[in-house]
Protein backbone atom coordinates (compact mmCIF):
# COMPACT_ATOMS: atom_id res chain seq x y z
CA MET A 1 0.00 0.00 0.00
CA HIS A 2 1.32 3.45 -0.91
CA ARG A 3 1.73 5.87 1.99
CA ILE A 4 0.77 9.50 1.46
CA PRO A 5 3.28 11.94 2.96
CA CYS A 6 1.95 13.76 6.03
CA ARG A 7 2.84 17.11 4.48
CA ARG A 8 0.57 16.43 1.49
CA VAL A 9 -2.26 15.39 3.79
CA ALA A 10 -1.77 18.53 5.87
CA ALA A 11 -1.73 20.71 2.74
CA GLY A 12 -4.92 19.07 1.51
CA VAL A 13 -6.63 19.68 4.84
CA ILE A 14 -5.55 23.34 4.80
CA VAL A 15 -6.90 23.84 1.26
CA PHE A 16 -10.17 22.14 2.17
CA MET A 17 -10.55 24.21 5.34
CA ALA A 18 -9.75 27.40 3.46
CA ALA A 19 -12.38 26.57 0.81
CA ALA A 20 -14.88 25.75 3.54
CA PHE A 21 -14.08 29.05 5.28
CA VAL A 22 -14.60 31.02 2.04
CA ALA A 23 -17.90 29.24 1.38
CA SER A 24 -19.01 29.85 4.96
CA ALA A 25 -18.01 33.52 4.78
CA ALA A 26 -19.81 33.93 1.43
CA ALA A 27 -22.93 32.31 2.85
CA GLY A 28 -22.93 34.85 5.68
CA LEU A 29 -22.94 37.95 3.46
CA SER A 30 -25.88 40.32 3.70
CA LEU A 31 -27.98 41.39 0.73
CA LYS A 32 -26.37 44.85 0.81
CA GLU A 33 -22.86 43.37 0.75
CA ILE A 34 -23.75 41.07 -2.14
CA LEU A 35 -25.17 43.92 -4.21
CA VAL A 36 -22.15 46.15 -3.49
CA ARG A 37 -19.80 43.40 -4.70
CA ASN A 38 -22.00 42.79 -7.76
CA VAL A 39 -21.76 46.46 -8.78
CA GLN A 40 -18.01 46.49 -8.13
CA ALA A 41 -17.57 43.40 -10.33
CA SER A 42 -19.34 45.18 -13.21
CA GLY A 43 -17.04 48.19 -13.10
CA GLY A 44 -18.07 50.02 -9.95
CA LYS A 45 -20.73 52.61 -9.17
CA ALA A 46 -18.68 55.50 -10.54
CA ARG A 47 -17.97 53.81 -13.90
CA ILE A 48 -21.57 52.67 -14.33
CA GLY A 49 -22.68 56.21 -13.49
CA GLN A 50 -20.68 57.51 -16.46
CA VAL A 51 -22.87 55.54 -18.87
CA LYS A 52 -25.67 57.87 -20.00
CA ASN A 53 -26.92 55.38 -22.56
CA LEU A 54 -25.86 52.04 -23.97
CA SER A 55 -26.48 50.66 -27.46
CA PHE A 56 -25.86 47.14 -28.76
CA LYS A 57 -27.24 44.65 -31.26
CA THR A 58 -28.56 41.17 -30.53
CA GLY A 59 -29.23 39.50 -33.87
CA VAL A 60 -31.37 41.88 -35.94
CA ALA A 61 -32.50 43.85 -32.88
CA ARG A 62 -30.85 47.10 -31.84
CA ASN A 63 -31.20 47.76 -28.09
CA ILE A 64 -30.73 51.30 -26.77
CA VAL A 65 -31.16 51.95 -23.04
CA SER A 66 -30.82 55.12 -20.98
CA ALA A 67 -29.31 55.37 -17.51
CA ALA A 68 -32.86 55.98 -16.26
CA GLY A 69 -33.97 52.59 -17.56
CA GLU A 70 -35.83 53.69 -20.70
CA LEU A 71 -35.40 51.01 -23.36
CA LYS A 72 -35.99 51.12 -27.11
CA VAL A 73 -35.68 47.94 -29.18
CA LEU A 74 -35.68 48.33 -32.97
CA THR A 75 -36.00 45.15 -35.03
CA GLY A 76 -35.19 44.71 -38.72
CA LYS A 77 -32.35 44.41 -41.18
CA ASP A 78 -30.92 47.81 -42.14
CA PRO A 79 -32.40 50.01 -43.45
CA VAL A 80 -35.69 48.32 -42.55
CA VAL A 81 -37.23 48.65 -39.09
CA THR A 82 -40.31 46.47 -38.80
CA GLU A 83 -40.92 46.79 -35.07
CA VAL A 84 -40.21 49.15 -32.19
CA VAL A 85 -40.71 48.30 -28.51
CA LEU A 86 -40.59 51.11 -25.94
CA VAL A 87 -40.17 50.53 -22.21
CA ASN A 88 -40.81 53.51 -19.96
CA GLY A 89 -41.45 52.65 -16.32
CA ASP A 90 -44.47 50.38 -16.08
CA LYS A 91 -45.47 51.00 -19.70
CA VAL A 92 -44.32 48.70 -22.49
CA ARG A 93 -45.61 49.54 -25.99
CA ARG A 94 -45.00 47.91 -29.37
CA ASN A 95 -45.34 49.21 -32.93
CA SER A 96 -45.27 46.26 -35.29
CA LEU A 97 -45.82 47.25 -38.91
CA ASN A 98 -47.73 50.32 -37.68
CA VAL A 99 -50.00 48.26 -35.46
CA ILE A 100 -49.50 49.83 -32.02
CA SER A 101 -50.40 47.90 -28.88
CA ASP A 102 -49.56 47.38 -25.21
CA VAL A 103 -47.20 44.45 -24.66
CA PRO A 104 -48.97 41.83 -22.49
CA GLU A 105 -47.59 39.56 -19.81
CA PRO A 106 -45.30 37.67 -19.63
CA GLU A 107 -43.39 39.70 -22.25
CA ARG A 108 -44.05 42.91 -20.32
CA THR A 109 -42.18 41.67 -17.24
CA VAL A 110 -39.29 40.40 -19.39
CA TYR A 111 -38.86 43.75 -21.16
CA ARG A 112 -39.12 45.77 -17.91
CA THR A 113 -36.54 43.55 -16.20
CA LEU A 114 -34.09 43.65 -19.12
CA ALA A 115 -34.42 47.45 -19.31
CA LYS A 116 -33.18 47.81 -15.71
CA LEU A 117 -30.49 45.18 -16.23
CA TYR A 118 -29.12 46.87 -19.35
CA ALA A 119 -29.28 50.31 -17.66
CA GLY A 120 -27.09 48.94 -14.87
CA VAL A 121 -24.61 47.56 -17.43
CA PHE A 122 -25.67 44.00 -16.53
CA SER A 123 -25.34 44.61 -12.79
CA LEU A 124 -28.25 44.85 -10.36
CA ALA A 125 -27.51 48.53 -9.63
CA LYS A 126 -30.95 49.65 -10.85
CA PHE A 127 -32.71 47.12 -8.59
CA GLU A 128 -31.35 48.63 -5.37
CA GLY A 129 -33.95 48.46 -2.58
CA GLN A 130 -36.22 46.23 -4.66
CA LEU A 131 -34.74 42.78 -4.00
CA LYS A 132 -34.73 40.15 -1.29
CA LEU A 133 -32.17 37.40 -0.71
CA GLU A 134 -33.44 33.82 -0.98
CA GLY A 135 -30.12 32.25 0.04
CA LEU A 136 -27.15 30.44 -1.48
CA LYS A 137 -28.14 27.73 -3.98
CA SER A 138 -26.08 24.87 -5.41
CA PHE A 139 -26.11 24.12 -9.15
CA GLY A 140 -23.69 21.21 -9.39
CA ALA A 141 -20.32 22.56 -8.26
CA ALA A 142 -21.46 26.18 -8.67
CA LYS A 143 -22.73 28.21 -5.74
CA LEU A 144 -25.12 31.00 -6.70
CA TYR A 145 -26.89 33.67 -4.67
CA HIS A 146 -30.62 33.66 -5.40
CA LEU A 147 -32.31 37.09 -5.37
CA ARG A 148 -35.92 38.01 -6.15
CA PRO A 149 -37.98 41.21 -6.30
CA LYS A 150 -39.70 42.06 -3.02
CA VAL A 151 -42.92 42.79 -4.86
CA GLU A 152 -43.89 40.89 -8.00
CA GLY A 153 -46.78 41.92 -10.17
CA GLY A 154 -48.61 40.01 -12.86
CA THR A 155 -48.19 36.29 -13.38
CA VAL A 156 -44.41 36.11 -13.84
CA GLY A 157 -41.73 35.61 -11.18
CA VAL A 158 -38.19 36.94 -11.68
CA HIS A 159 -35.13 35.15 -10.29
CA PHE A 160 -31.55 36.47 -10.34
CA TYR A 161 -28.59 34.16 -9.65
CA LEU A 162 -25.18 35.69 -8.86
CA ASP A 163 -21.93 33.72 -8.83
CA ALA A 164 -20.77 33.35 -5.21
CA ASP A 165 -17.13 33.66 -6.33
CA ASP A 166 -17.14 36.79 -8.49
CA PHE A 167 -20.68 38.14 -7.77
CA ARG A 168 -21.50 38.59 -11.45
CA LEU A 169 -24.89 37.71 -12.90
CA LYS A 170 -24.83 34.08 -13.92
CA ARG A 171 -28.47 33.30 -14.59
CA LEU A 172 -31.80 35.10 -14.98
CA VAL A 173 -35.04 33.10 -14.88
CA PHE A 174 -38.62 34.12 -15.63
CA GLN A 175 -41.27 31.69 -14.34
CA GLY A 176 -45.03 31.90 -14.43
CA ALA A 177 -47.96 31.37 -16.73
CA THR A 178 -49.24 32.77 -20.01
CA PRO A 179 -52.65 34.48 -20.21
CA GLU A 180 -53.94 31.15 -21.55
CA GLY A 181 -52.72 29.36 -18.41
CA ASP A 182 -49.80 27.54 -20.02
CA LYS A 183 -46.50 27.18 -18.17
CA TYR A 184 -43.97 29.89 -18.98
CA GLU A 185 -40.29 29.56 -18.14
CA VAL A 186 -37.39 31.30 -19.86
CA ASN A 187 -33.76 30.99 -18.73
CA TYR A 188 -30.94 33.39 -19.57
CA ASP A 189 -27.52 31.83 -18.90
CA PHE A 190 -24.82 34.49 -19.20
CA ALA A 191 -21.33 33.85 -20.56
CA PRO A 192 -18.28 34.99 -18.58
CA PHE A 193 -18.01 38.78 -18.43
CA GLU A 194 -15.47 40.47 -20.70
CA GLU A 195 -14.05 43.96 -21.11
CA ALA A 196 -15.52 45.96 -23.99
CA GLU A 197 -15.65 49.73 -24.52
CA GLY A 198 -14.21 50.11 -21.03
CA LEU A 199 -17.14 48.19 -19.56
CA SER A 200 -17.41 44.73 -18.05
CA LEU A 201 -20.35 42.75 -19.39
CA PRO A 202 -21.31 39.42 -20.98
CA LEU A 203 -20.91 39.44 -24.75
CA SER A 204 -23.31 36.52 -25.18
CA TRP A 205 -25.96 34.52 -23.36
CA PHE A 206 -27.95 31.36 -23.95
CA VAL A 207 -31.73 31.74 -23.92
CA SER A 208 -33.90 28.66 -23.47
CA GLN A 209 -37.65 28.39 -23.07
CA VAL A 210 -39.50 25.37 -21.78
CA GLY A 211 -40.85 23.41 -24.75
CA THR A 212 -38.57 25.04 -27.35
CA ARG A 213 -34.96 24.85 -28.48
CA GLY A 214 -32.55 27.35 -26.97
CA ASN A 215 -30.29 29.70 -28.86
CA VAL A 216 -27.18 31.77 -28.24
CA THR A 217 -27.55 35.55 -28.37
CA GLY A 218 -24.39 37.47 -29.15
CA VAL A 219 -23.72 41.15 -28.47
CA THR A 220 -22.30 43.21 -31.36
CA GLU A 221 -21.80 46.89 -32.20
CA LEU A 222 -21.58 47.91 -28.55
CA LYS A 223 -21.47 51.69 -28.05
CA ALA A 224 -21.90 53.97 -25.05
CA ASN A 225 -23.09 57.57 -24.70
CA LEU A 226 -24.51 58.11 -28.17
CA PRO A 227 -25.97 61.54 -29.03
CA LEU A 228 -29.72 60.89 -28.91
CA ALA A 229 -32.64 63.19 -29.69
CA ARG A 230 -34.62 64.41 -26.69
CA ASP A 231 -37.71 62.49 -27.77
CA PHE A 232 -35.82 59.34 -28.80
CA PHE A 233 -37.41 57.16 -26.13
CA THR A 234 -40.96 58.31 -26.95
CA LYS A 235 -41.04 57.94 -30.75
CA THR A 236 -42.37 54.69 -32.21
CA GLU A 237 -41.77 55.36 -35.91
CA ILE A 238 -40.64 52.41 -38.03
CA ASN A 239 -39.13 52.21 -41.51
CA ALA A 240 -41.10 49.55 -43.34
CA GLY A 241 -42.25 51.27 -46.51
CA ARG A 242 -45.91 51.97 -47.34
CA THR A 243 -48.87 49.85 -48.28
CA GLU A 244 -51.82 50.54 -50.52
CA SER A 245 -54.91 48.34 -50.63
CA ALA A 246 -58.21 48.40 -52.48
CA PRO A 247 -60.77 45.73 -53.41
CA GLY A 248 -58.94 42.98 -55.29
CA GLU A 249 -55.39 44.37 -55.01
CA MET A 250 -52.52 45.31 -52.68
CA LYS A 251 -49.21 47.09 -53.13
CA GLY A 252 -46.35 47.17 -50.63
CA ASN A 253 -42.68 46.49 -49.98
CA VAL A 254 -40.28 43.63 -49.32
CA LEU A 255 -38.92 43.76 -45.76
CA GLU A 256 -36.50 40.84 -45.79
CA PHE A 257 -35.99 37.48 -47.47
CA ASN A 258 -34.44 34.15 -46.59
CA SER A 259 -33.49 31.35 -48.97
CA SER A 260 -32.72 27.73 -48.09
CA PRO A 261 -33.00 24.29 -49.74
CA PHE A 262 -36.51 24.13 -48.25
CA GLY A 263 -37.73 27.28 -49.92
CA LEU A 264 -37.72 31.04 -50.25
CA SER A 265 -39.56 33.27 -47.78
CA ILE A 266 -40.18 36.93 -48.59
CA ALA A 267 -41.52 39.01 -45.71
CA THR A 268 -43.76 41.92 -46.73
CA ASN A 269 -45.28 44.90 -44.92
CA TRP A 270 -48.86 43.76 -45.60
CA THR A 271 -51.00 43.21 -42.50
CA LYS A 272 -54.49 41.87 -41.83
CA LYS A 273 -55.84 45.39 -42.35
CA ASP A 274 -54.52 45.42 -45.94
CA VAL A 275 -55.87 41.92 -46.59
CA ASP A 276 -59.31 42.90 -45.29
CA ASN A 277 -59.34 46.05 -47.44
CA ALA A 278 -58.48 43.93 -50.49
CA GLY A 279 -61.20 41.42 -49.59
CA PHE A 280 -58.96 38.38 -50.04
CA ARG A 281 -60.18 35.01 -48.74
CA THR A 282 -58.43 31.68 -48.29
CA GLY A 283 -58.38 29.84 -51.60
CA ASP A 284 -58.22 32.96 -53.76
CA LYS A 285 -55.78 32.87 -56.67
CA LEU A 286 -53.64 35.98 -56.95
CA ILE A 287 -51.22 37.37 -59.51
CA LEU A 288 -47.93 38.36 -57.89
CA LEU A 289 -45.66 40.98 -59.43
CA LEU A 290 -42.19 41.31 -57.92
CA GLU A 291 -39.22 42.92 -59.68
CA GLY A 292 -40.56 41.99 -63.11
CA ASP A 293 -41.35 38.40 -62.06
CA GLU A 294 -45.07 37.68 -62.55
CA SER A 295 -46.67 34.47 -61.29
CA GLU A 296 -49.82 32.96 -59.82
CA ILE A 297 -49.94 32.36 -56.07
CA ALA A 298 -52.45 30.88 -53.63
CA PHE A 299 -53.72 32.96 -50.69
CA TYR A 300 -54.25 31.74 -47.11
CA ALA A 301 -55.74 34.09 -44.51
CA LEU A 302 -54.67 32.01 -41.49
CA ALA A 303 -51.43 30.16 -40.78
CA ASN A 304 -53.27 26.97 -39.73
CA GLU A 305 -54.97 26.86 -43.14
CA VAL A 306 -51.66 26.43 -45.01
CA PRO A 307 -51.14 22.79 -46.10
CA PRO A 308 -48.12 20.94 -44.61
CA PRO A 309 -44.90 21.37 -46.65
CA ASP A 310 -44.94 17.73 -47.81
CA GLU A 311 -48.33 18.32 -49.43
CA LEU A 312 -47.15 21.31 -51.45
CA ALA A 313 -45.48 20.74 -54.80
CA LYS A 314 -41.95 22.01 -55.33
CA GLY A 315 -42.11 25.53 -56.72
CA ALA A 316 -45.58 26.17 -55.25
CA ARG A 317 -46.11 29.84 -54.40
CA LEU A 318 -48.37 31.18 -51.67
CA LEU A 319 -49.10 34.28 -49.62
CA ALA A 320 -49.85 33.61 -45.95
CA PRO A 321 -49.21 34.98 -42.45
CA MET A 322 -45.57 34.97 -41.35
CA PRO A 323 -44.58 31.41 -40.38
CA ARG A 324 -43.28 32.48 -36.94
CA GLY A 325 -46.13 34.81 -36.09
CA GLY A 326 -46.34 38.59 -36.09
CA GLU A 327 -48.49 41.12 -37.90
CA GLY A 328 -47.16 40.63 -41.43
CA PHE A 329 -47.72 38.33 -44.41
CA ALA A 330 -45.02 36.56 -46.40
CA VAL A 331 -44.66 35.10 -49.88
CA GLN A 332 -43.36 31.54 -49.72
CA ILE A 333 -41.92 29.57 -52.62
CA ILE A 334 -41.55 25.91 -51.74
CA GLY A 335 -38.19 24.34 -52.61
CA GLY A 336 -36.39 27.62 -53.32
CA GLY A 337 -36.85 30.43 -55.77
CA PRO A 338 -35.64 31.20 -59.30
CA ALA A 339 -32.06 32.47 -59.39
CA SER A 340 -33.26 35.41 -61.50
CA LEU A 341 -35.63 36.46 -58.71
CA LEU A 342 -33.08 36.00 -55.92
CA GLY A 343 -30.69 38.32 -57.72
CA LYS A 344 -33.28 41.11 -57.77
CA LEU A 345 -34.52 40.94 -54.20
CA LYS A 346 -33.59 43.80 -51.91
CA PRO A 347 -35.08 45.50 -48.84
CA LEU A 348 -38.02 47.83 -49.62
CA ALA A 349 -38.38 46.53 -53.19
CA ILE A 350 -41.93 47.11 -54.50
CA ILE A 351 -44.27 44.10 -54.49
CA SER A 352 -47.91 43.86 -55.55
CA VAL A 353 -50.73 41.34 -55.91
CA LYS A 354 -54.14 41.42 -57.54
CA LYS A 355 -56.95 38.90 -57.59
CA LYS A 356 -56.91 36.64 -60.64
CA ALA A 357 -59.92 37.01 -62.86
CA SER A 358 -62.13 33.93 -62.71
């Protein structure tokens, strides 16, 4: 049997006891001490206070937040802006293709929480006095402080988890129910913080929702203290072209397009209002005119009326609500689109349809 030197045993005991002491000391920290260390880890109160506004992109969304917690999210591929979401205190409003509405729960809570988080440069600085400590939780080998708002409104609970070693935000969880009563749970798992533009923040995070596949969100085009108009956080204007509709016809613009081996999808700025003005009904045959390409397409008023892809012939063309929801309608060409058409497509190109004469 091999004998372990006493010095190695003693060293191991010292390391273990030191780790136990650190864990015990961390577990004994007050909420105030935890929040102070969290702010220090993100650059410190003074540095965060120098940030008057912060701008960054996540995918096709541009997020701009003020130090006061006003948030504006603009979605679309330049130069197109199809949607604007404004967060101002308790109010969360959305303009999607010029359809303006209040954002309902649980989205409302998510936007309000992210607005404060971004305003604090991904620290909990803007939640001061609003949180309670639920204790130190174990997630495998990781030890995380669990914090929650003292007062929670609506149907969604918010859970912050800070790393017990460096006090940075590790996880953000939203749990509750949808207005329909379905379970709602979204997890934000933040990557290690990095230095960028003199700030310390995560440059990516993994978002997963119960019942769906997760995805990684990366931060790009990070900028601080941009010159913004006084009314920037109150204006909801978008840049999505114009539509015209009359009985039997519609005219509008291409917003974006995506091509894959499965087909070509062309998002337009037409909404249900345009479709109703044109009087189109599911089953109508329309003539599509796009960049000199004229063809017959089938119309579907509702997404659940569209036949499954395996029932549609290759090259079939249709106009239907956007596959992933939203206010707009999209042209879909099954199995891809003609190379001649792909070469002509561009944002805000003019597109029109008219009902085929019977």
